[in-house]
Amino acid sequence: MQPNWVNVYSADQMYKVLLIKEVLSENDIESFIINKRDSIYSFGDIELYVKPEDVIKSLFVIKKSEV
């Protein structure tokens, strides 16, 4: 991961993040997941990051896919 990648989506359930990651991949947007969820106490989020140049396109694709 480069230090300038941007968090474009987060959720408390992995399947939601994986679905968005797949939608981004289908639109030729590279992304990766960081799991900040605590496995014992079940708090925190799972975050999805993209390159800075893909942020606007990613947000558009995410918004379109959630409707």
PDB file of N, CA and C in Angstrom:
ATOM      1  N   MET A   1       0.843  -1.187   0.000  1.00  0.00           N
ATOM      2  CA  MET A   1       0.000   0.000   0.000  1.00  0.00           C
ATOM      3  C   MET A   1       0.878   1.235   0.000  1.00  0.00           C
ATOM      4  N   GLN A   2       0.530   2.180  -0.849  1.00  0.00           N
ATOM      5  CA  GLN A   2       1.193   3.473  -0.849  1.00  0.00           C
ATOM      6  C   GLN A   2       0.555   4.341   0.237  1.00  0.00           C
ATOM      7  N   PRO A   3       1.309   5.241   0.840  1.00  0.00           N
ATOM      8  CA  PRO A   3       0.764   6.034   1.947  1.00  0.00           C
ATOM      9  C   PRO A   3      -0.350   6.998   1.548  1.00  0.00           C
ATOM     10  N   ASN A   4      -0.530   7.254   0.260  1.00  0.00           N
ATOM     11  CA  ASN A   4      -1.545   8.222  -0.149  1.00  0.00           C
ATOM     12  C   ASN A   4      -2.845   7.586  -0.638  1.00  0.00           C
ATOM     13  N   TRP A   5      -3.030   6.280  -0.482  1.00  0.00           N
ATOM     14  CA  TRP A   5      -4.277   5.642  -0.889  1.00  0.00           C
ATOM     15  C   TRP A   5      -5.404   6.153   0.009  1.00  0.00           C
ATOM     16  N   VAL A   6      -6.632   6.149  -0.496  1.00  0.00           N
ATOM     17  CA  VAL A   6      -7.751   6.799   0.184  1.00  0.00           C
ATOM     18  C   VAL A   6      -8.832   5.779   0.545  1.00  0.00           C
ATOM     19  N   ASN A   7      -9.350   5.898   1.752  1.00  0.00           N
ATOM     20  CA  ASN A   7     -10.443   5.055   2.211  1.00  0.00           C
ATOM     21  C   ASN A   7     -11.730   5.561   1.561  1.00  0.00           C
ATOM     22  N   VAL A   8     -12.371   4.716   0.744  1.00  0.00           N
ATOM     23  CA  VAL A   8     -13.608   5.121   0.068  1.00  0.00           C
ATOM     24  C   VAL A   8     -14.841   4.397   0.599  1.00  0.00           C
ATOM     25  N   TYR A   9     -14.622   3.371   1.415  1.00  0.00           N
ATOM     26  CA  TYR A   9     -15.766   2.616   1.925  1.00  0.00           C
ATOM     27  C   TYR A   9     -15.349   1.892   3.195  1.00  0.00           C
ATOM     28  N   SER A  10     -16.275   1.810   4.137  1.00  0.00           N
ATOM     29  CA  SER A  10     -16.033   1.002   5.334  1.00  0.00           C
ATOM     30  C   SER A  10     -17.359   0.436   5.822  1.00  0.00           C
ATOM     31  N   ALA A  11     -17.270  -0.702   6.464  1.00  0.00           N
ATOM     32  CA  ALA A  11     -18.461  -1.381   6.994  1.00  0.00           C
ATOM     33  C   ALA A  11     -18.038  -2.260   8.159  1.00  0.00           C
ATOM     34  N   ASP A  12     -19.026  -2.717   8.903  1.00  0.00           N
ATOM     35  CA  ASP A  12     -18.716  -3.585  10.046  1.00  0.00           C
ATOM     36  C   ASP A  12     -18.827  -5.065   9.702  1.00  0.00           C
ATOM     37  N   GLN A  13     -19.201  -5.363   8.433  1.00  0.00           N
ATOM     38  CA  GLN A  13     -19.308  -6.758   8.009  1.00  0.00           C
ATOM     39  C   GLN A  13     -18.478  -6.978   6.751  1.00  0.00           C
ATOM     40  N   MET A  14     -17.673  -8.024   6.765  1.00  0.00           N
ATOM     41  CA  MET A  14     -16.733  -8.288   5.671  1.00  0.00           C
ATOM     42  C   MET A  14     -17.439  -8.503   4.333  1.00  0.00           C
ATOM     43  N   TYR A  15     -18.573  -9.179   4.327  1.00  0.00           N
ATOM     44  CA  TYR A  15     -19.224  -9.470   3.051  1.00  0.00           C
ATOM     45  C   TYR A  15     -19.599  -8.201   2.300  1.00  0.00           C
ATOM     46  N   LYS A  16     -19.979  -7.136   3.028  1.00  0.00           N
ATOM     47  CA  LYS A  16     -20.322  -5.873   2.378  1.00  0.00           C
ATOM     48  C   LYS A  16     -19.111  -5.269   1.678  1.00  0.00           C
ATOM     49  N   VAL A  17     -17.972  -5.304   2.353  1.00  0.00           N
ATOM     50  CA  VAL A  17     -16.742  -4.749   1.785  1.00  0.00           C
ATOM     51  C   VAL A  17     -16.297  -5.585   0.590  1.00  0.00           C
ATOM     52  N   LEU A  18     -16.402  -6.896   0.703  1.00  0.00           N
ATOM     53  CA  LEU A  18     -16.026  -7.771  -0.414  1.00  0.00           C
ATOM     54  C   LEU A  18     -16.904  -7.541  -1.645  1.00  0.00           C
ATOM     55  N   LEU A  19     -18.190  -7.296  -1.437  1.00  0.00           N
ATOM     56  CA  LEU A  19     -19.089  -7.008  -2.564  1.00  0.00           C
ATOM     57  C   LEU A  19     -18.682  -5.716  -3.272  1.00  0.00           C
ATOM     58  N   ILE A  20     -18.391  -4.680  -2.509  1.00  0.00           N
ATOM     59  CA  ILE A  20     -17.969  -3.402  -3.097  1.00  0.00           C
ATOM     60  C   ILE A  20     -16.627  -3.560  -3.787  1.00  0.00           C
ATOM     61  N   LYS A  21     -15.720  -4.314  -3.180  1.00  0.00           N
ATOM     62  CA  LYS A  21     -14.416  -4.558  -3.808  1.00  0.00           C
ATOM     63  C   LYS A  21     -14.592  -5.230  -5.168  1.00  0.00           C
ATOM     64  N   GLU A  22     -15.502  -6.186  -5.259  1.00  0.00           N
ATOM     65  CA  GLU A  22     -15.763  -6.878  -6.519  1.00  0.00           C
ATOM     66  C   GLU A  22     -16.356  -5.920  -7.559  1.00  0.00           C
ATOM     67  N   VAL A  23     -17.269  -5.070  -7.130  1.00  0.00           N
ATOM     68  CA  VAL A  23     -17.858  -4.091  -8.050  1.00  0.00           C
ATOM     69  C   VAL A  23     -16.777  -3.147  -8.576  1.00  0.00           C
ATOM     70  N   LEU A  24     -15.884  -2.699  -7.714  1.00  0.00           N
ATOM     71  CA  LEU A  24     -14.786  -1.835  -8.149  1.00  0.00           C
ATOM     72  C   LEU A  24     -13.878  -2.575  -9.130  1.00  0.00           C
ATOM     73  N   SER A  25     -13.592  -3.824  -8.840  1.00  0.00           N
ATOM     74  CA  SER A  25     -12.745  -4.626  -9.720  1.00  0.00           C
ATOM     75  C   SER A  25     -13.372  -4.770 -11.105  1.00  0.00           C
ATOM     76  N   GLU A  26     -14.677  -4.957 -11.156  1.00  0.00           N
ATOM     77  CA  GLU A  26     -15.377  -5.058 -12.434  1.00  0.00           C
ATOM     78  C   GLU A  26     -15.304  -3.767 -13.241  1.00  0.00           C
ATOM     79  N   ASN A  27     -15.029  -2.656 -12.541  1.00  0.00           N
ATOM     80  CA  ASN A  27     -14.899  -1.353 -13.191  1.00  0.00           C
ATOM     81  C   ASN A  27     -13.432  -0.940 -13.329  1.00  0.00           C
ATOM     82  N   ASP A  28     -12.537  -1.921 -13.272  1.00  0.00           N
ATOM     83  CA  ASP A  28     -11.099  -1.707 -13.438  1.00  0.00           C
ATOM     84  C   ASP A  28     -10.494  -0.743 -12.419  1.00  0.00           C
ATOM     85  N   ILE A  29     -10.953  -0.844 -11.184  1.00  0.00           N
ATOM     86  CA  ILE A  29     -10.416  -0.028 -10.097  1.00  0.00           C
ATOM     87  C   ILE A  29      -9.737  -0.962  -9.101  1.00  0.00           C
ATOM     88  N   GLU A  30      -8.452  -0.757  -8.924  1.00  0.00           N
ATOM     89  CA  GLU A  30      -7.680  -1.558  -7.970  1.00  0.00           C
ATOM     90  C   GLU A  30      -7.995  -1.086  -6.552  1.00  0.00           C
ATOM     91  N   SER A  31      -8.198  -2.032  -5.650  1.00  0.00           N
ATOM     92  CA  SER A  31      -8.493  -1.681  -4.259  1.00  0.00           C
ATOM     93  C   SER A  31      -7.928  -2.753  -3.333  1.00  0.00           C
ATOM     94  N   PHE A  32      -7.866  -2.416  -2.058  1.00  0.00           N
ATOM     95  CA  PHE A  32      -7.457  -3.418  -1.067  1.00  0.00           C
ATOM     96  C   PHE A  32      -8.171  -3.143   0.246  1.00  0.00           C
ATOM     97  N   ILE A  33      -8.214  -4.165   1.070  1.00  0.00           N
ATOM     98  CA  ILE A  33      -8.973  -4.135   2.322  1.00  0.00           C
ATOM     99  C   ILE A  33      -8.019  -4.116   3.510  1.00  0.00           C
ATOM    100  N   ILE A  34      -8.366  -3.295   4.494  1.00  0.00           N
ATOM    101  CA  ILE A  34      -7.695  -3.339   5.801  1.00  0.00           C
ATOM    102  C   ILE A  34      -8.768  -3.631   6.841  1.00  0.00           C
ATOM    103  N   ASN A  35      -8.589  -4.727   7.555  1.00  0.00           N
ATOM    104  CA  ASN A  35      -9.547  -5.140   8.576  1.00  0.00           C
ATOM    105  C   ASN A  35      -9.123  -4.564   9.917  1.00  0.00           C
ATOM    106  N   LYS A  36      -9.868  -3.566  10.389  1.00  0.00           N
ATOM    107  CA  LYS A  36      -9.597  -2.945  11.686  1.00  0.00           C
ATOM    108  C   LYS A  36     -10.625  -3.392  12.726  1.00  0.00           C
ATOM    109  N   ARG A  37     -11.326  -4.459  12.423  1.00  0.00           N
ATOM    110  CA  ARG A  37     -12.360  -4.977  13.314  1.00  0.00           C
ATOM    111  C   ARG A  37     -11.717  -5.900  14.348  1.00  0.00           C
ATOM    112  N   ASP A  38     -12.025  -5.678  15.591  1.00  0.00           N
ATOM    113  CA  ASP A  38     -11.515  -6.509  16.674  1.00  0.00           C
ATOM    114  C   ASP A  38     -12.309  -7.809  16.723  1.00  0.00           C
ATOM    115  N   SER A  39     -11.607  -8.929  16.641  1.00  0.00           N
ATOM    116  CA  SER A  39     -12.293 -10.222  16.580  1.00  0.00           C
ATOM    117  C   SER A  39     -12.882 -10.666  17.919  1.00  0.00           C
ATOM    118  N   ILE A  40     -12.363 -10.170  19.006  1.00  0.00           N
ATOM    119  CA  ILE A  40     -12.853 -10.592  20.319  1.00  0.00           C
ATOM    120  C   ILE A  40     -14.052  -9.753  20.762  1.00  0.00           C
ATOM    121  N   TYR A  41     -13.925  -8.429  20.638  1.00  0.00           N
ATOM    122  CA  TYR A  41     -14.964  -7.532  21.145  1.00  0.00           C
ATOM    123  C   TYR A  41     -15.935  -7.050  20.070  1.00  0.00           C
ATOM    124  N   SER A  42     -15.701  -7.413  18.819  1.00  0.00           N
ATOM    125  CA  SER A  42     -16.600  -7.093  17.696  1.00  0.00           C
ATOM    126  C   SER A  42     -16.896  -5.601  17.551  1.00  0.00           C
ATOM    127  N   PHE A  43     -15.859  -4.782  17.548  1.00  0.00           N
ATOM    128  CA  PHE A  43     -16.042  -3.375  17.228  1.00  0.00           C
ATOM    129  C   PHE A  43     -14.967  -2.967  16.226  1.00  0.00           C
ATOM    130  N   GLY A  44     -15.214  -1.873  15.544  1.00  0.00           N
ATOM    131  CA  GLY A  44     -14.293  -1.417  14.521  1.00  0.00           C
ATOM    132  C   GLY A  44     -14.861  -1.709  13.140  1.00  0.00           C
ATOM    133  N   ASP A  45     -14.166  -1.226  12.123  1.00  0.00           N
ATOM    134  CA  ASP A  45     -14.650  -1.376  10.752  1.00  0.00           C
ATOM    135  C   ASP A  45     -13.627  -2.059   9.867  1.00  0.00           C
ATOM    136  N   ILE A  46     -14.107  -2.502   8.739  1.00  0.00           N
ATOM    137  CA  ILE A  46     -13.276  -3.046   7.678  1.00  0.00           C
ATOM    138  C   ILE A  46     -13.268  -1.978   6.596  1.00  0.00           C
ATOM    139  N   GLU A  47     -12.083  -1.542   6.173  1.00  0.00           N
ATOM    140  CA  GLU A  47     -11.958  -0.405   5.275  1.00  0.00           C
ATOM    141  C   GLU A  47     -11.453  -0.826   3.903  1.00  0.00           C
ATOM    142  N   LEU A  48     -11.939  -0.126   2.874  1.00  0.00           N
ATOM    143  CA  LEU A  48     -11.561  -0.381   1.494  1.00  0.00           C
ATOM    144  C   LEU A  48     -10.866   0.862   0.943  1.00  0.00           C
ATOM    145  N   TYR A  49      -9.670   0.668   0.392  1.00  0.00           N
ATOM    146  CA  TYR A  49      -8.841   1.776  -0.087  1.00  0.00           C
ATOM    147  C   TYR A  49      -8.611   1.678  -1.593  1.00  0.00           C
ATOM    148  N   VAL A  50      -8.516   2.853  -2.229  1.00  0.00           N
ATOM    149  CA  VAL A  50      -8.203   2.942  -3.657  1.00  0.00           C
ATOM    150  C   VAL A  50      -7.120   4.001  -3.862  1.00  0.00           C
ATOM    151  N   LYS A  51      -6.547   4.004  -5.071  1.00  0.00           N
ATOM    152  CA  LYS A  51      -5.555   5.018  -5.427  1.00  0.00           C
ATOM    153  C   LYS A  51      -6.226   6.386  -5.497  1.00  0.00           C
ATOM    154  N   PRO A  52      -5.486   7.452  -5.198  1.00  0.00           N
ATOM    155  CA  PRO A  52      -6.072   8.802  -5.228  1.00  0.00           C
ATOM    156  C   PRO A  52      -6.729   9.153  -6.558  1.00  0.00           C
ATOM    157  N   GLU A  53      -6.150   8.722  -7.668  1.00  0.00           N
ATOM    158  CA  GLU A  53      -6.722   9.054  -8.973  1.00  0.00           C
ATOM    159  C   GLU A  53      -8.021   8.304  -9.259  1.00  0.00           C
ATOM    160  N   ASP A  54      -8.357   7.298  -8.446  1.00  0.00           N
ATOM    161  CA  ASP A  54      -9.578   6.517  -8.638  1.00  0.00           C
ATOM    162  C   ASP A  54     -10.688   6.870  -7.646  1.00  0.00           C
ATOM    163  N   VAL A  55     -10.457   7.855  -6.798  1.00  0.00           N
ATOM    164  CA  VAL A  55     -11.418   8.162  -5.732  1.00  0.00           C
ATOM    165  C   VAL A  55     -12.776   8.581  -6.292  1.00  0.00           C
ATOM    166  N   ILE A  56     -12.808   9.532  -7.197  1.00  0.00           N
ATOM    167  CA  ILE A  56     -14.084  10.037  -7.710  1.00  0.00           C
ATOM    168  C   ILE A  56     -14.849   8.943  -8.435  1.00  0.00           C
ATOM    169  N   LYS A  57     -14.165   8.216  -9.295  1.00  0.00           N
ATOM    170  CA  LYS A  57     -14.814   7.118 -10.018  1.00  0.00           C
ATOM    171  C   LYS A  57     -15.318   6.064  -9.031  1.00  0.00           C
ATOM    172  N   SER A  58     -14.513   5.754  -8.020  1.00  0.00           N
ATOM    173  CA  SER A  58     -14.898   4.749  -7.016  1.00  0.00           C
ATOM    174  C   SER A  58     -16.152   5.168  -6.269  1.00  0.00           C
ATOM    175  N   LEU A  59     -16.196   6.413  -5.832  1.00  0.00           N
ATOM    176  CA  LEU A  59     -17.354   6.895  -5.100  1.00  0.00           C
ATOM    177  C   LEU A  59     -18.614   6.855  -5.963  1.00  0.00           C
ATOM    178  N   PHE A  60     -18.470   7.191  -7.243  1.00  0.00           N
ATOM    179  CA  PHE A  60     -19.596   7.120  -8.175  1.00  0.00           C
ATOM    180  C   PHE A  60     -20.079   5.679  -8.321  1.00  0.00           C
ATOM    181  N   VAL A  61     -19.153   4.755  -8.520  1.00  0.00           N
ATOM    182  CA  VAL A  61     -19.497   3.337  -8.690  1.00  0.00           C
ATOM    183  C   VAL A  61     -20.135   2.785  -7.418  1.00  0.00           C
ATOM    184  N   ILE A  62     -19.611   3.151  -6.260  1.00  0.00           N
ATOM    185  CA  ILE A  62     -20.166   2.685  -4.979  1.00  0.00           C
ATOM    186  C   ILE A  62     -21.573   3.220  -4.795  1.00  0.00           C
ATOM    187  N   LYS A  63     -21.757   4.497  -5.038  1.00  0.00           N
ATOM    188  CA  LYS A  63     -23.082   5.115  -4.892  1.00  0.00           C
ATOM    189  C   LYS A  63     -24.090   4.444  -5.827  1.00  0.00           C
ATOM    190  N   LYS A  64     -23.679   4.196  -7.053  1.00  0.00           N
ATOM    191  CA  LYS A  64     -24.547   3.569  -8.055  1.00  0.00           C
ATOM    192  C   LYS A  64     -24.912   2.136  -7.646  1.00  0.00           C
ATOM    193  N   SER A  65     -23.979   1.413  -7.043  1.00  0.00           N
ATOM    194  CA  SER A  65     -24.216   0.015  -6.701  1.00  0.00           C
ATOM    195  C   SER A  65     -25.047  -0.160  -5.435  1.00  0.00           C
ATOM    196  N   GLU A  66     -25.116   0.859  -4.586  1.00  0.00           N
ATOM    197  CA  GLU A  66     -25.878   0.760  -3.337  1.00  0.00           C
ATOM    198  C   GLU A  66     -27.343   1.066  -3.515  1.00  0.00           C
ATOM    199  N   VAL A  67     -27.734   1.617  -4.628  1.00  0.00           N
ATOM    200  CA  VAL A  67     -29.143   2.004  -4.862  1.00  0.00           C
ATOM    201  C   VAL A  67     -29.994   0.814  -5.144  1.00  0.00           C
TER     202      VAL A  67
END
